[in-house]
Protein backbone atom coordinates (compact mmCIF):
# COMPACT_ATOMS: atom_id res chain seq x y z
CA UNK A 1 0.00 0.00 0.00
CA UNK A 2 1.25 3.45 -0.93
CA UNK A 3 -0.23 6.62 0.53
CA UNK A 4 -0.29 9.41 -2.03
CA UNK A 5 -0.68 12.96 -0.68
CA UNK A 6 -1.95 15.28 -3.41
CA UNK A 7 -1.43 18.90 -2.39
CA UNK A 8 -2.51 21.93 -4.35
CA UNK A 9 -0.14 24.90 -4.41
CA UNK A 10 -0.85 27.91 -2.17
CA UNK A 11 -2.07 31.40 -3.07
CA UNK A 12 -0.43 33.73 -5.58
CA UNK A 13 -1.41 37.05 -7.12
CA UNK A 14 -2.86 35.47 -10.25
CA UNK A 15 -5.38 33.71 -7.99
CA UNK A 16 -6.22 37.00 -6.28
CA UNK A 17 -6.61 38.74 -9.64
CA UNK A 18 -8.66 35.80 -10.97
CA UNK A 19 -6.41 35.08 -13.92
CA UNK A 20 -5.48 31.74 -15.47
CA UNK A 21 -1.77 31.35 -14.86
CA UNK A 22 -1.15 28.08 -16.69
CA UNK A 23 2.55 27.57 -17.44
CA UNK A 24 3.51 31.25 -17.32
CA UNK A 25 6.89 31.62 -15.56
CA UNK A 26 7.62 33.81 -12.56
CA UNK A 27 4.36 33.35 -10.64
CA UNK A 28 5.38 33.10 -6.99
CA UNK A 29 3.46 32.65 -3.76
CA UNK A 30 2.25 35.88 -2.20
CA UNK A 31 2.44 36.59 1.55
CA UNK A 32 -0.74 34.64 2.44
CA UNK A 33 0.47 31.82 0.21
CA UNK A 34 3.74 31.56 2.12
CA UNK A 35 1.75 31.21 5.35
CA UNK A 36 -0.48 28.57 3.77
CA UNK A 37 2.53 26.55 2.60
CA UNK A 38 4.05 26.64 6.09
CA UNK A 39 0.72 25.57 7.59
CA UNK A 40 0.54 22.56 5.27
CA UNK A 41 4.09 21.58 6.23
CA UNK A 42 3.16 21.86 9.92
CA UNK A 43 0.09 19.70 9.36
CA UNK A 44 2.34 16.95 7.97
CA UNK A 45 4.84 17.14 10.83
CA UNK A 46 3.97 13.67 12.14
CA UNK A 47 3.79 12.00 8.70
CA UNK A 48 6.75 9.87 7.62
CA UNK A 49 7.29 11.09 4.08
CA UNK A 50 9.53 9.16 1.71
CA UNK A 51 9.76 11.71 -1.09
CA UNK A 52 8.33 15.07 -2.17
CA UNK A 53 7.63 15.62 -5.87
CA UNK A 54 6.29 18.79 -7.44
CA UNK A 55 5.14 20.46 -10.58
CA UNK A 56 8.13 22.49 -11.80
CA UNK A 57 6.16 25.75 -11.72
CA UNK A 58 7.31 28.20 -9.05
CA UNK A 59 4.08 28.35 -7.07
CA UNK A 60 4.10 24.57 -6.65
CA UNK A 61 7.82 24.28 -5.87
CA UNK A 62 7.51 27.02 -3.24
CA UNK A 63 4.60 25.16 -1.64
CA UNK A 64 6.55 21.91 -1.64
CA UNK A 65 9.75 23.37 -0.19
CA UNK A 66 8.64 23.75 3.47
CA UNK A 67 7.25 20.19 3.41
CA UNK A 68 10.50 18.72 2.10
CA UNK A 69 12.75 20.90 4.25
CA UNK A 70 11.00 19.80 7.45
CA UNK A 71 11.79 16.17 6.54
CA UNK A 72 15.36 16.76 5.41
CA UNK A 73 14.36 16.05 1.83
CA UNK A 74 14.82 17.86 -1.48
CA UNK A 75 11.87 18.72 -3.72
CA UNK A 76 12.06 16.78 -6.98
CA UNK A 77 10.43 18.64 -9.91
CA UNK A 78 8.51 16.53 -12.42
CA UNK A 79 7.11 17.89 -15.69
CA UNK A 80 4.32 15.33 -15.59
CA UNK A 81 2.88 16.99 -12.48
CA UNK A 82 2.62 20.37 -14.18
CA UNK A 83 -0.54 22.35 -14.84
CA UNK A 84 -2.90 21.65 -17.71
CA UNK A 85 -1.45 23.34 -20.79
CA UNK A 86 -4.06 26.03 -21.47
CA UNK A 87 -2.33 27.40 -24.54
CA UNK A 88 -3.65 30.81 -25.61
CA UNK A 89 -5.95 30.93 -22.58
CA UNK A 90 -3.17 31.35 -20.04
CA UNK A 91 -2.72 34.85 -18.67
CA UNK A 92 -6.32 35.84 -19.42
CA UNK A 93 -8.85 36.81 -16.76
CA UNK A 94 -11.58 34.33 -15.85
CA UNK A 95 -14.12 37.08 -16.52
CA UNK A 96 -12.95 37.20 -20.13
CA UNK A 97 -12.75 33.42 -20.50
CA UNK A 98 -16.30 32.90 -19.26
CA UNK A 99 -17.55 34.77 -22.34
CA UNK A 100 -16.11 32.13 -24.68
CA UNK A 101 -18.34 29.32 -25.95
CA UNK A 102 -15.66 26.84 -24.93
CA UNK A 103 -16.17 27.74 -21.25
CA UNK A 104 -19.53 25.96 -20.96
CA UNK A 105 -18.13 22.89 -22.70
CA UNK A 106 -15.27 22.84 -20.20
CA UNK A 107 -17.75 22.86 -17.33
CA UNK A 108 -20.13 20.22 -18.69
CA UNK A 109 -18.35 17.98 -21.22
CA UNK A 110 -14.62 18.53 -20.68
CA UNK A 111 -13.77 15.30 -22.51
CA UNK A 112 -14.51 17.22 -25.74
CA UNK A 113 -12.17 20.10 -24.97
CA UNK A 114 -8.79 20.97 -26.40
CA UNK A 115 -7.40 24.34 -25.39
CA UNK A 116 -6.28 26.56 -28.29
CA UNK A 117 -2.60 25.72 -28.88
CA UNK A 118 -2.73 23.66 -25.67
CA UNK A 119 -3.64 20.14 -24.61
CA UNK A 120 -6.92 18.34 -24.06
CA UNK A 121 -8.17 17.23 -20.65
CA UNK A 122 -7.81 13.65 -21.88
CA UNK A 123 -4.13 14.24 -22.59
CA UNK A 124 -3.62 16.04 -19.29
CA UNK A 125 -5.22 13.18 -17.36
CA UNK A 126 -3.13 10.60 -19.18
CA UNK A 127 0.02 12.61 -18.42
CA UNK A 128 -0.68 12.98 -14.71
CA UNK A 129 -1.66 9.32 -14.25
CA UNK A 130 1.41 8.11 -16.15
CA UNK A 131 3.55 10.22 -13.81
CA UNK A 132 1.80 9.10 -10.62
CA UNK A 133 1.93 5.43 -11.56
CA UNK A 134 5.59 5.65 -12.50
CA UNK A 135 6.48 7.16 -9.15
CA UNK A 136 4.13 4.87 -7.22
CA UNK A 137 5.89 1.87 -8.73
CA UNK A 138 9.19 3.35 -7.62
CA UNK A 139 7.85 3.72 -4.07
CA UNK A 140 6.10 0.40 -3.69
CA UNK A 141 7.29 -0.65 -0.24
CA UNK A 142 4.51 -1.16 2.35
CA UNK A 143 3.20 2.04 3.94
CA UNK A 144 5.39 4.39 1.91
CA UNK A 145 4.13 7.98 1.83
CA UNK A 146 4.83 10.18 -1.16
CA UNK A 147 3.81 13.80 -1.62
CA UNK A 148 2.88 15.39 -4.93
CA UNK A 149 2.37 19.15 -5.11
CA UNK A 150 0.40 20.09 -8.18
CA UNK A 151 -2.59 22.11 -9.41
CA UNK A 152 -6.36 22.04 -9.00
CA UNK A 153 -7.31 20.52 -12.34
CA UNK A 154 -4.51 17.97 -12.43
CA UNK A 155 -5.36 16.77 -8.92
CA UNK A 156 -9.05 16.54 -9.81
CA UNK A 157 -8.20 14.60 -12.95
CA UNK A 158 -6.04 12.19 -10.94
CA UNK A 159 -8.67 11.59 -8.27
CA UNK A 160 -11.40 11.11 -10.88
CA UNK A 161 -9.27 8.45 -12.56
CA UNK A 162 -8.56 6.51 -9.37
CA UNK A 163 -12.22 6.67 -8.32
CA UNK A 164 -13.40 5.51 -11.73
CA UNK A 165 -15.29 8.73 -12.43
CA UNK A 166 -15.91 9.57 -16.09
CA UNK A 167 -13.81 12.49 -17.28
CA UNK A 168 -16.96 14.54 -17.84
CA UNK A 169 -17.66 14.43 -14.09
CA UNK A 170 -14.26 15.56 -12.84
CA UNK A 171 -15.42 19.18 -12.51
CA UNK A 172 -17.75 18.06 -9.70
CA UNK A 173 -14.69 17.70 -7.46
CA UNK A 174 -13.32 20.69 -5.55
CA UNK A 175 -9.64 21.18 -4.75
CA UNK A 176 -8.93 24.36 -2.79
CA UNK A 177 -5.68 26.24 -2.40
CA UNK A 178 -3.14 24.51 -0.13
CA UNK A 179 -5.47 21.56 0.36
CA UNK A 180 -4.52 17.98 1.11
CA UNK A 181 -6.14 14.97 -0.54
CA UNK A 182 -4.97 11.42 0.18
CA UNK A 183 -5.22 8.25 -1.89
CA UNK A 184 -4.38 4.79 -0.59
CA UNK A 185 -3.26 2.63 -3.50
CA UNK A 186 -2.44 -1.04 -3.05
CA UNK A 187 -2.30 -4.20 -5.14
CA UNK A 188 -5.94 -5.01 -4.46
CA UNK A 189 -7.61 -1.71 -3.66
CA UNK A 190 -7.73 2.03 -4.22
CA UNK A 191 -9.36 4.22 -1.60
CA UNK A 192 -9.85 7.95 -1.25
CA UNK A 193 -8.81 8.57 2.35
CA UNK A 194 -9.23 12.34 2.38
CA UNK A 195 -10.50 14.95 -0.06
CA UNK A 196 -9.75 18.67 -0.11
CA UNK A 197 -8.74 19.03 3.53
CA UNK A 198 -7.33 22.43 4.47
CA UNK A 199 -5.36 22.57 7.74
CA UNK A 200 -6.80 26.02 8.48
CA UNK A 201 -9.67 28.01 7.04
CA UNK A 202 -8.25 30.07 4.21
CA UNK A 203 -10.14 33.01 2.71
CA UNK A 204 -12.39 31.80 -0.08
CA UNK A 205 -11.12 32.75 -3.53
CA UNK A 206 -13.30 32.05 -6.55
CA UNK A 207 -11.49 29.93 -9.08
C-alpha cells in the first residue's frame, strides 16, 4: 500500500486577480500563500514522508519546499505533475474566458475540450496518471508515503481516474488552495482517504 498525498499549491497574485496562470513563468506565492505553505508543512509534521515531488512551476515548488525541508528532503520537480497546458488561454482573466463558448463545454463535457494551442483534458489526465503510476511503482514498499504538489485541475483529474469517475464528471470535485487529498493505492484496492482538507480556514477565492 502506498499513501499518495496530493497537495494543491498555495495562493499567488494570479489567484487573487482571478487570472489563469497556466505555465507562465515567474508566478510566486504571495504573503498569504507563504503562510499557507508553512501551515501545510506543519500539518504533515507527524507524517513519515519518503519523497516530495512537485510540478516544476514556481508556485508549486515554493509550496513543496517547506514540506520537504522539514523532513530533510529535497523537492524533486517533475514535468508530468505540471498544470494543464491552457495554450492561448493562459494569462487571461476568468471574466474574459467565461464569455467564450468553450467555457460551458469545459464545465459540462470537458472530454470534448482541447485548449487553443494547448492540450486536451484527456491528454492532461493521461500525463498525470502516467507520472503518478511511474512514481508509485518506484515507491512500492509497504506504507510508503509520497507527496505530490500540483494544481487544482490535475489533482481533480487524478482523483477522478482513481475513483473511476468519467472524465466529464471531474469538474464536480473541488480542490482548494493549499489543500490535502490522500489516496491509498495497493495491489488489491484504491481508496480515497481524504479529499480537499485544508489545515486552516483560508479566505475563499473564486477559481
